[in-house]
Amino acid sequence: MTKSIPTSFAALAMLIAAPAQANELRDDLAADMPGLMELYRDLHANPELSFEEHETAAKLAARMRDLGFEVTEKVGRTGVVSVMRNGDGPTVLLRADMDGLPVVEQTGLPYASKQTTTTENGVTTGIMHACGHDTHMAGFIGAAQLLVDHKDKWQGTLVMVLQPAEEVGLGALAMLEDGLYSDFPKPDYALAFHDAAAPAPAGTIGYTPGYALANVDSVDITVKGIGGHGAYPHTTVDPVVLASAIVMKLQTVVSRNSSPLDPAVITVGSFHAGAKHNIISDEAKLQLTVRSYSDASRQQLLDGIRRVARGEAITAGLPENMMPEITVEDPYTPSTFNDPGFTEAIAAGFKQRFGDERVMEWPAVMGGEDFSQFRRAAPDDVQSMIFWISGTPQPMLEALERDGTPLPSLHSPFWAPDAEKVIATGAEALAGAAIELMPAAED
């Protein structure tokens, strides 16, 4: 007989008993690790930017074909979808992101990236896997190898997604719009991991039930004014003064309009105006990043930004036809929600597999992750979870504890995770969770 999809997460948790295959998976993974580390070093040395992951996608697609998956390339421009059908059962989606960042690497690693590019605005920069996506891809391939080697332990459909352009928040949506859920099996469950520069030993797993990462909105405000000579400000309406007032008043949208129990962030990251000391310009430009969790909180913040900008312009005496122009970038990156019951059940399995000391609940963060799109596209059908794996090398932890030396963050040119521990933990966690979600039929 086949086991049906659990009708509740309590039932799912009951299925996740102490996994007998734990040591077997780990032993097989140990044999695979030299090859996975070789792959990691190659990926690290040859990063590609968002929607430019052509060589990365091709080399990983070839590996998935060699493992026996049905592989489709160029889904959402540079994404790769690999499917393996193994009888009746649930459909599980495992995802890894592929893109690097425009960062000049300064880790000093012998396989450090020397890749460069020239951006659209003419700036020449290095390219680096400063967010650890190279560890995600190597762990993803490791999980695929384990699941192929242990096909007798699971039953269902495995959909493995290599996603482009996570760093610009557009890759998951591009794949969905290109038929991910219509041309391929739609998942019942979706899982992913992300490395973390955390104050915890490398290989530690962190999980967050509920909201785990934030909505990310980019907002541009063009503040209009009436320019003139800096010596005669009374003949002008100074957009620098007006924009400064907007910047200061925006802080009250969070401190006085949002609930203290509802995390929210409005940060003005850029302020540009004028070109000379003694000229009052007729325009100032602001660029904001706005973070929230719920859709309602997001809307409240965006409405507050519009209200403040308009109100300050009216106070400055600008006419209706000179109100600030506000543009909210679309599409935006929606918040990532880990289904609580599903997340707790998977975390219970992780604790049985890795031990309580290596698995712990972590607080939500205000960073963004477009893995959120896989659940958001079918919230009534897809249960999802993204979890963290600390990649902080032991010497960095010791320096932090000894003298407070800060850890390099993700996106830092100095971020060099303990890749072996991230990859090994990620591969085993993904493969083990997939087996638990798709248990083999009983005789």
Protein backbone atom coordinates (compact mmCIF):
# COMPACT_ATOMS: atom_id res chain seq x y z
CA MET A 1 0.00 0.00 0.00
CA THR A 2 1.09 3.61 -0.47
CA LYS A 3 1.07 6.24 2.21
CA SER A 4 -1.06 9.26 1.48
CA ILE A 5 -0.02 12.83 2.13
CA PRO A 6 -0.51 13.55 5.84
CA THR A 7 -3.78 15.39 6.43
CA SER A 8 -2.34 17.35 9.37
CA PHE A 9 1.07 18.38 10.56
CA ALA A 10 0.52 16.37 13.72
CA ALA A 11 0.26 13.34 11.46
CA LEU A 12 3.36 14.45 9.61
CA ALA A 13 5.27 14.79 12.86
CA MET A 14 4.27 11.25 13.80
CA LEU A 15 5.73 9.97 10.54
CA ILE A 16 9.06 11.59 11.35
CA ALA A 17 10.48 9.04 13.73
CA ALA A 18 14.17 8.75 14.49
CA PRO A 19 15.41 8.17 10.94
CA ALA A 20 17.01 4.78 10.51
CA GLN A 21 18.68 6.03 7.34
CA ALA A 22 20.54 8.85 9.17
CA ASN A 23 23.89 7.13 9.44
CA GLU A 24 23.51 5.54 6.03
CA LEU A 25 22.87 8.91 4.39
CA ARG A 26 25.78 10.44 6.25
CA ASP A 27 28.14 7.64 5.31
CA ASP A 28 27.22 7.93 1.63
CA LEU A 29 27.54 11.70 1.79
CA ALA A 30 31.02 11.41 3.28
CA ALA A 31 32.07 9.49 0.19
CA ASP A 32 30.54 12.19 -2.02
CA MET A 33 32.06 15.17 -0.22
CA PRO A 34 35.42 15.34 -2.09
CA GLY A 35 33.56 15.67 -5.38
CA LEU A 36 31.09 18.16 -3.93
CA MET A 37 33.91 20.31 -2.58
CA GLU A 38 35.58 20.26 -5.98
CA LEU A 39 32.29 21.44 -7.48
CA TYR A 40 31.99 24.14 -4.80
CA ARG A 41 35.47 25.51 -5.54
CA ASP A 42 34.67 25.64 -9.25
CA LEU A 43 31.39 27.46 -8.61
CA HIS A 44 33.07 29.86 -6.20
CA ALA A 45 35.80 30.74 -8.68
CA ASN A 46 33.35 31.26 -11.55
CA PRO A 47 30.33 33.22 -10.29
CA GLU A 48 27.80 34.80 -12.61
CA LEU A 49 25.40 37.67 -11.98
CA SER A 50 21.60 37.53 -11.92
CA PHE A 51 20.02 36.17 -15.13
CA GLU A 52 23.55 35.62 -16.50
CA GLU A 53 24.05 32.18 -14.91
CA HIS A 54 24.47 30.46 -18.28
CA GLU A 55 27.60 28.40 -17.58
CA THR A 56 26.55 27.66 -14.01
CA ALA A 57 23.15 26.39 -15.15
CA ALA A 58 24.65 24.30 -17.95
CA LYS A 59 27.19 22.49 -15.76
CA LEU A 60 24.62 21.75 -13.04
CA ALA A 61 21.99 20.64 -15.58
CA ALA A 62 24.51 18.16 -16.98
CA ARG A 63 25.06 16.70 -13.51
CA MET A 64 21.32 16.32 -12.96
CA ARG A 65 20.94 14.52 -16.30
CA ASP A 66 23.76 12.18 -15.35
CA LEU A 67 21.81 11.34 -12.18
CA GLY A 68 18.78 10.33 -14.22
CA PHE A 69 16.53 13.40 -13.84
CA GLU A 70 14.31 14.77 -16.60
CA VAL A 71 15.97 18.16 -17.05
CA THR A 72 14.59 21.33 -18.63
CA GLU A 73 16.83 24.36 -19.03
CA LYS A 74 16.08 28.04 -19.61
CA VAL A 75 12.98 28.13 -17.42
CA GLY A 76 12.64 31.76 -16.36
CA ARG A 77 15.56 32.68 -18.64
CA THR A 78 18.38 30.76 -16.95
CA GLY A 79 16.62 28.48 -14.46
CA VAL A 80 16.81 24.68 -14.48
CA VAL A 81 14.03 22.28 -13.49
CA SER A 82 14.87 18.62 -12.84
CA VAL A 83 12.12 16.06 -12.22
CA MET A 84 12.32 12.49 -10.97
CA ARG A 85 9.14 10.41 -10.68
CA ASN A 86 9.33 7.48 -8.29
CA GLY A 87 5.82 6.10 -7.94
CA ASP A 88 2.72 7.52 -6.31
CA GLY A 89 3.11 9.97 -3.48
CA PRO A 90 3.60 13.62 -2.60
CA THR A 91 5.54 16.07 -4.75
CA VAL A 92 8.47 17.78 -3.05
CA LEU A 93 10.30 20.79 -4.47
CA LEU A 94 13.90 21.46 -3.44
CA ARG A 95 15.42 24.77 -4.51
CA ALA A 96 18.87 26.35 -4.72
CA ASP A 97 19.74 29.81 -6.04
CA MET A 98 22.62 30.34 -8.46
CA ASP A 99 23.58 34.01 -8.82
CA GLY A 100 26.56 35.88 -7.47
CA LEU A 101 27.00 39.56 -6.58
CA PRO A 102 28.93 42.53 -8.03
CA VAL A 103 31.52 42.40 -5.24
CA VAL A 104 35.34 42.36 -5.46
CA GLU A 105 36.37 39.30 -3.44
CA GLN A 106 38.85 39.88 -0.61
CA THR A 107 38.80 36.51 1.17
CA GLY A 108 42.30 35.47 0.14
CA LEU A 109 41.06 31.97 -0.73
CA PRO A 110 43.24 30.09 -3.25
CA TYR A 111 40.14 29.64 -5.43
CA ALA A 112 38.88 33.21 -4.98
CA SER A 113 36.91 34.65 -7.86
CA LYS A 114 38.79 36.81 -10.34
CA GLN A 115 35.76 37.36 -12.52
CA THR A 116 34.87 40.94 -13.48
CA THR A 117 32.04 42.66 -15.28
CA THR A 118 31.01 46.12 -16.42
CA THR A 119 27.60 47.17 -15.20
CA GLU A 120 24.95 48.99 -17.21
CA ASN A 121 26.07 52.31 -15.76
CA GLY A 122 29.67 51.71 -16.85
CA VAL A 123 31.18 50.63 -13.51
CA THR A 124 33.71 47.79 -13.68
CA THR A 125 33.48 45.48 -10.68
CA GLY A 126 34.38 42.01 -9.54
CA ILE A 127 31.86 39.18 -9.18
CA MET A 128 31.72 37.04 -6.05
CA HIS A 129 29.53 34.45 -4.38
CA ALA A 130 29.39 36.76 -1.37
CA CYS A 131 26.01 35.37 -0.28
CA GLY A 132 27.01 31.71 -0.29
CA HIS A 133 24.91 30.52 -3.21
CA ASP A 134 27.83 28.32 -4.23
CA THR A 135 27.32 26.32 -1.03
CA HIS A 136 23.59 26.11 -1.78
CA MET A 137 24.24 24.64 -5.23
CA ALA A 138 26.81 22.13 -4.01
CA GLY A 139 24.50 21.04 -1.18
CA PHE A 140 21.64 20.77 -3.68
CA ILE A 141 23.69 18.43 -5.91
CA GLY A 142 24.69 16.44 -2.84
CA ALA A 143 21.03 16.03 -1.87
CA ALA A 144 20.18 14.93 -5.41
CA GLN A 145 22.88 12.27 -5.33
CA LEU A 146 21.67 10.96 -1.98
CA LEU A 147 18.05 10.79 -3.13
CA VAL A 148 19.01 8.92 -6.29
CA ASP A 149 21.15 6.49 -4.29
CA HIS A 150 18.25 5.91 -1.86
CA LYS A 151 15.26 5.73 -4.23
CA ASP A 152 14.04 2.67 -2.33
CA LYS A 153 13.37 4.86 0.71
CA TRP A 154 11.01 7.39 -0.86
CA GLN A 155 8.00 7.37 -3.14
CA GLY A 156 6.57 10.33 -4.99
CA THR A 157 7.80 13.06 -7.32
CA LEU A 158 10.92 15.10 -6.76
CA VAL A 159 11.18 18.53 -8.41
CA MET A 160 14.60 20.12 -8.03
CA VAL A 161 14.82 23.77 -9.01
CA LEU A 162 17.98 25.76 -9.72
CA GLN A 163 16.76 29.33 -9.56
CA PRO A 164 18.36 32.40 -11.12
CA ALA A 165 18.37 36.01 -9.96
CA GLU A 166 17.56 35.67 -6.26
CA GLU A 167 19.78 38.64 -5.51
CA VAL A 168 17.50 40.96 -7.49
CA GLY A 169 14.34 39.25 -6.24
CA LEU A 170 13.09 38.31 -9.70
CA GLY A 171 14.20 34.74 -10.40
CA ALA A 172 11.49 32.75 -8.64
CA LEU A 173 8.74 34.86 -10.19
CA ALA A 174 10.34 34.50 -13.63
CA MET A 175 10.28 30.71 -13.31
CA LEU A 176 6.67 30.69 -12.12
CA GLU A 177 5.61 32.97 -14.98
CA ASP A 178 7.44 30.64 -17.36
CA GLY A 179 5.30 27.66 -16.33
CA LEU A 180 6.96 26.16 -13.27
CA TYR A 181 3.61 25.18 -11.75
CA SER A 182 1.79 24.47 -15.02
CA ASP A 183 4.41 22.65 -17.11
CA PHE A 184 5.94 20.67 -14.24
CA PRO A 185 4.44 18.86 -11.23
CA LYS A 186 3.17 21.37 -8.69
CA PRO A 187 4.64 20.66 -5.26
CA ASP A 188 2.88 19.82 -2.06
CA TYR A 189 5.97 20.90 -0.13
CA ALA A 190 8.86 23.26 -0.92
CA LEU A 191 12.18 23.38 0.94
CA ALA A 192 15.36 25.45 0.69
CA PHE A 193 18.26 26.47 2.90
CA HIS A 194 20.48 29.53 3.14
CA ASP A 195 23.89 29.81 4.73
CA ALA A 196 24.22 32.34 7.55
CA ALA A 197 26.96 34.44 9.10
CA ALA A 198 25.62 33.56 12.52
CA PRO A 199 27.20 33.49 16.01
CA ALA A 200 26.83 29.72 16.07
CA PRO A 201 29.13 26.85 15.08
CA ALA A 202 29.22 26.05 11.38
CA GLY A 203 26.67 23.37 10.56
CA THR A 204 24.12 24.63 13.09
CA ILE A 205 20.58 24.72 11.67
CA GLY A 206 18.27 27.64 12.46
CA TYR A 207 14.57 27.65 11.72
CA THR A 208 11.79 30.24 12.09
CA PRO A 209 8.10 29.30 12.15
CA GLY A 210 5.85 31.95 10.58
CA TYR A 211 7.35 35.06 9.02
CA ALA A 212 11.05 34.44 8.51
CA LEU A 213 12.12 37.16 6.05
CA ALA A 214 10.56 40.46 5.09
CA ASN A 215 8.73 42.17 2.26
CA VAL A 216 11.31 44.21 0.36
CA ASP A 217 10.13 47.37 -1.40
CA SER A 218 12.31 49.86 -3.25
CA VAL A 219 10.76 53.31 -3.34
CA ASP A 220 11.94 56.35 -5.34
CA ILE A 221 10.79 59.85 -4.43
CA THR A 222 11.40 62.81 -6.72
CA VAL A 223 10.96 66.01 -4.72
CA LYS A 224 10.27 69.09 -6.83
CA GLY A 225 11.14 72.67 -5.96
CA ILE A 226 11.77 76.10 -7.43
CA GLY A 227 15.47 76.65 -7.99
CA GLY A 228 17.54 79.80 -7.81
CA HIS A 229 20.61 81.51 -6.37
CA GLY A 230 21.90 80.23 -3.05
CA ALA A 231 22.27 83.81 -1.84
CA TYR A 232 18.56 84.52 -2.32
CA PRO A 233 16.75 81.49 -0.88
CA HIS A 234 13.60 83.52 -0.31
CA THR A 235 13.02 83.52 -4.07
CA THR A 236 13.02 79.71 -4.21
CA VAL A 237 11.31 76.66 -2.79
CA ASP A 238 14.34 74.64 -1.74
CA PRO A 239 13.89 70.91 -2.56
CA VAL A 240 16.86 70.01 -0.35
CA VAL A 241 15.17 71.45 2.73
CA LEU A 242 11.86 69.89 1.70
CA ALA A 243 13.44 66.47 1.05
CA SER A 244 15.26 66.68 4.39
CA ALA A 245 11.96 67.31 6.14
CA ILE A 246 10.49 64.29 4.35
CA VAL A 247 13.43 62.13 5.46
CA MET A 248 12.97 63.09 9.10
CA LYS A 249 9.17 62.79 9.08
CA LEU A 250 9.32 59.36 7.43
CA GLN A 251 10.72 57.95 10.66
CA THR A 252 7.39 58.64 12.37
CA VAL A 253 5.62 56.31 9.93
CA VAL A 254 7.34 53.48 11.82
CA SER A 255 7.64 54.99 15.30
CA ARG A 256 4.14 56.50 15.51
CA ASN A 257 1.97 54.75 12.90
CA SER A 258 3.12 51.11 13.10
CA SER A 259 2.51 48.89 16.09
CA PRO A 260 5.66 48.39 18.20
CA LEU A 261 4.87 44.66 17.96
CA ASP A 262 4.88 44.72 14.14
CA PRO A 263 8.46 45.03 12.82
CA ALA A 264 8.92 47.66 10.12
CA VAL A 265 11.83 49.54 8.56
CA ILE A 266 12.04 52.64 6.36
CA THR A 267 15.61 53.49 5.40
CA VAL A 268 16.62 56.34 3.09
CA GLY A 269 19.67 54.93 1.35
CA SER A 270 20.29 57.69 -1.18
CA PHE A 271 19.77 61.47 -1.28
CA HIS A 272 20.87 63.38 -4.39
CA ALA A 273 20.32 67.05 -5.19
CA GLY A 274 22.11 69.95 -6.79
CA ALA A 275 25.44 70.37 -8.55
CA LYS A 276 27.09 73.50 -7.13
CA HIS A 277 27.60 75.31 -3.84
CA ASN A 278 25.61 78.43 -4.61
CA ILE A 279 22.75 77.03 -6.66
CA ILE A 280 19.48 75.88 -5.15
CA SER A 281 18.34 73.09 -7.43
CA ASP A 282 14.80 72.48 -8.56
CA GLU A 283 14.81 68.78 -7.70
CA ALA A 284 15.98 66.26 -5.10
CA LYS A 285 15.84 62.48 -5.38
CA LEU A 286 15.45 59.99 -2.53
CA GLN A 287 15.82 56.21 -2.68
CA LEU A 288 14.29 54.11 0.09
CA THR A 289 14.24 50.50 1.14
CA VAL A 290 11.08 49.53 3.02
CA ARG A 291 10.74 46.31 5.03
CA SER A 292 7.66 44.69 6.57
CA TYR A 293 6.11 41.27 7.10
CA SER A 294 2.36 41.25 6.48
CA ASP A 295 0.61 42.62 3.40
CA ALA A 296 -1.36 44.98 5.65
CA SER A 297 1.81 46.35 7.26
CA ARG A 298 3.41 46.81 3.85
CA GLN A 299 0.43 48.80 2.60
CA GLN A 300 0.40 50.95 5.73
CA LEU A 301 4.07 51.87 5.24
CA LEU A 302 3.68 52.69 1.54
CA ASP A 303 0.57 54.77 2.22
CA GLY A 304 2.43 56.56 5.02
CA ILE A 305 5.34 57.41 2.71
CA ARG A 306 2.94 58.93 0.18
CA ARG A 307 1.10 60.86 2.90
CA VAL A 308 4.28 62.29 4.45
CA ALA A 309 5.80 63.34 1.11
CA ARG A 310 2.60 65.06 0.00
CA GLY A 311 2.01 66.69 3.38
CA GLU A 312 5.49 68.17 3.60
CA ALA A 313 5.21 69.48 0.03
CA ILE A 314 1.94 71.21 0.89
CA THR A 315 3.55 72.69 4.01
CA ALA A 316 6.37 74.04 1.84
CA GLY A 317 3.82 75.82 -0.33
CA LEU A 318 4.13 73.78 -3.51
CA PRO A 319 1.11 73.77 -5.84
CA GLU A 320 -0.78 70.59 -6.71
CA ASN A 321 1.07 70.13 -10.00
CA MET A 322 4.40 70.01 -8.15
CA MET A 323 3.66 67.28 -5.61
CA PRO A 324 6.47 64.70 -5.14
CA GLU A 325 6.52 61.80 -7.57
CA ILE A 326 6.62 58.43 -5.80
CA THR A 327 7.46 55.19 -7.57
CA VAL A 328 7.28 51.76 -5.89
CA GLU A 329 9.32 49.18 -7.76
CA ASP A 330 7.21 46.38 -9.19
CA PRO A 331 7.53 43.47 -8.80
CA TYR A 332 8.71 43.55 -5.21
CA THR A 333 10.08 40.71 -3.07
CA PRO A 334 7.29 39.42 -0.81
CA SER A 335 7.92 38.25 2.73
CA THR A 336 8.84 34.63 3.32
CA PHE A 337 6.36 32.72 5.48
CA ASN A 338 7.30 29.33 6.90
CA ASP A 339 4.11 27.36 7.53
CA PRO A 340 4.32 26.92 11.32
CA GLY A 341 3.08 23.33 11.69
CA PHE A 342 5.09 22.13 8.71
CA THR A 343 8.19 23.96 9.94
CA GLU A 344 7.96 22.52 13.44
CA ALA A 345 7.54 19.00 12.00
CA ILE A 346 10.58 19.34 9.73
CA ALA A 347 12.59 20.87 12.59
CA ALA A 348 11.65 17.87 14.77
CA GLY A 349 13.09 15.61 12.09
CA PHE A 350 16.25 17.71 11.96
CA LYS A 351 16.65 17.44 15.74
CA GLN A 352 16.36 13.66 15.59
CA ARG A 353 18.85 13.52 12.75
CA PHE A 354 21.44 16.07 13.91
CA GLY A 355 20.77 16.37 17.65
CA ASP A 356 19.07 19.14 19.64
CA GLU A 357 22.30 21.07 20.06
CA ARG A 358 22.62 21.60 16.29
CA VAL A 359 19.01 22.66 15.60
CA MET A 360 17.43 25.73 17.19
CA GLU A 361 14.74 28.29 16.57
CA TRP A 362 16.10 31.64 15.37
CA PRO A 363 14.34 35.02 15.23
CA ALA A 364 12.99 36.38 11.98
CA VAL A 365 15.12 38.87 10.02
CA MET A 366 14.33 41.90 7.87
CA GLY A 367 16.31 40.65 4.88
CA GLY A 368 14.45 39.41 1.82
CA GLU A 369 14.32 36.12 -0.10
CA ASP A 370 12.24 35.41 -3.18
CA PHE A 371 11.83 31.76 -2.20
CA SER A 372 8.63 33.26 -0.80
CA GLN A 373 7.16 33.24 -4.30
CA PHE A 374 6.90 29.43 -4.44
CA ARG A 375 4.38 29.39 -1.59
CA ARG A 376 2.72 32.66 -2.52
CA ALA A 377 1.88 31.34 -6.01
CA ALA A 378 -0.31 28.59 -4.49
CA PRO A 379 -0.75 29.25 -0.75
CA ASP A 380 -3.60 26.74 -0.40
CA ASP A 381 -1.58 23.93 -2.00
CA VAL A 382 2.09 24.45 -1.18
CA GLN A 383 3.55 24.26 2.33
CA SER A 384 7.06 25.71 2.46
CA MET A 385 10.04 26.24 4.71
CA ILE A 386 13.42 27.88 4.30
CA PHE A 387 15.99 27.24 7.02
CA TRP A 388 19.41 28.62 7.86
CA ILE A 389 22.73 26.83 8.18
CA SER A 390 25.51 28.67 9.98
CA GLY A 391 28.68 28.87 7.94
CA THR A 392 30.76 30.82 10.45
CA PRO A 393 34.28 29.34 10.65
CA GLN A 394 35.50 28.46 14.15
CA PRO A 395 38.36 31.02 14.18
CA MET A 396 35.82 33.81 13.52
CA LEU A 397 33.65 32.57 16.39
CA GLU A 398 36.67 32.47 18.70
CA ALA A 399 37.67 36.03 17.73
CA LEU A 400 34.09 37.19 18.36
CA GLU A 401 34.06 35.61 21.82
CA ARG A 402 37.61 36.71 22.67
CA ASP A 403 37.58 40.39 21.74
CA GLY A 404 34.30 41.13 20.01
CA THR A 405 35.68 41.07 16.47
CA PRO A 406 32.52 41.38 14.35
CA LEU A 407 31.60 38.65 11.93
CA PRO A 408 31.62 39.54 8.23
CA SER A 409 28.05 39.61 6.99
CA LEU A 410 26.57 38.04 3.91
CA HIS A 411 27.37 40.24 0.89
CA SER A 412 30.71 41.15 2.49
CA PRO A 413 33.84 40.78 0.31
CA PHE A 414 35.35 38.90 3.28
CA TRP A 415 32.59 36.29 3.68
CA ALA A 416 34.18 32.85 3.37
CA PRO A 417 31.94 30.28 5.07
CA ASP A 418 33.05 26.90 6.35
CA ALA A 419 31.78 25.50 3.07
CA GLU A 420 32.30 21.83 3.89
CA LYS A 421 30.03 21.98 6.93
CA VAL A 422 27.36 24.03 5.16
CA ILE A 423 27.32 21.70 2.15
CA ALA A 424 27.30 18.49 4.19
CA THR A 425 24.55 19.75 6.51
CA GLY A 426 22.48 21.15 3.65
CA ALA A 427 22.71 18.01 1.53
CA GLU A 428 21.75 15.69 4.37
CA ALA A 429 19.00 17.99 5.66
CA LEU A 430 17.34 18.37 2.24
CA ALA A 431 17.62 14.68 1.38
CA GLY A 432 16.49 13.53 4.81
CA ALA A 433 13.49 15.89 4.84
CA ALA A 434 12.46 14.79 1.33
CA ILE A 435 12.55 11.14 2.39
CA GLU A 436 10.46 11.93 5.47
CA LEU A 437 7.89 13.75 3.31
CA MET A 438 7.75 10.98 0.70
CA PRO A 439 8.08 7.76 2.73
CA ALA A 440 8.32 4.55 0.73
CA ALA A 441 5.27 2.29 0.54
CA GLU A 442 4.94 -0.35 3.18
CA ASP A 443 5.05 -3.97 2.03
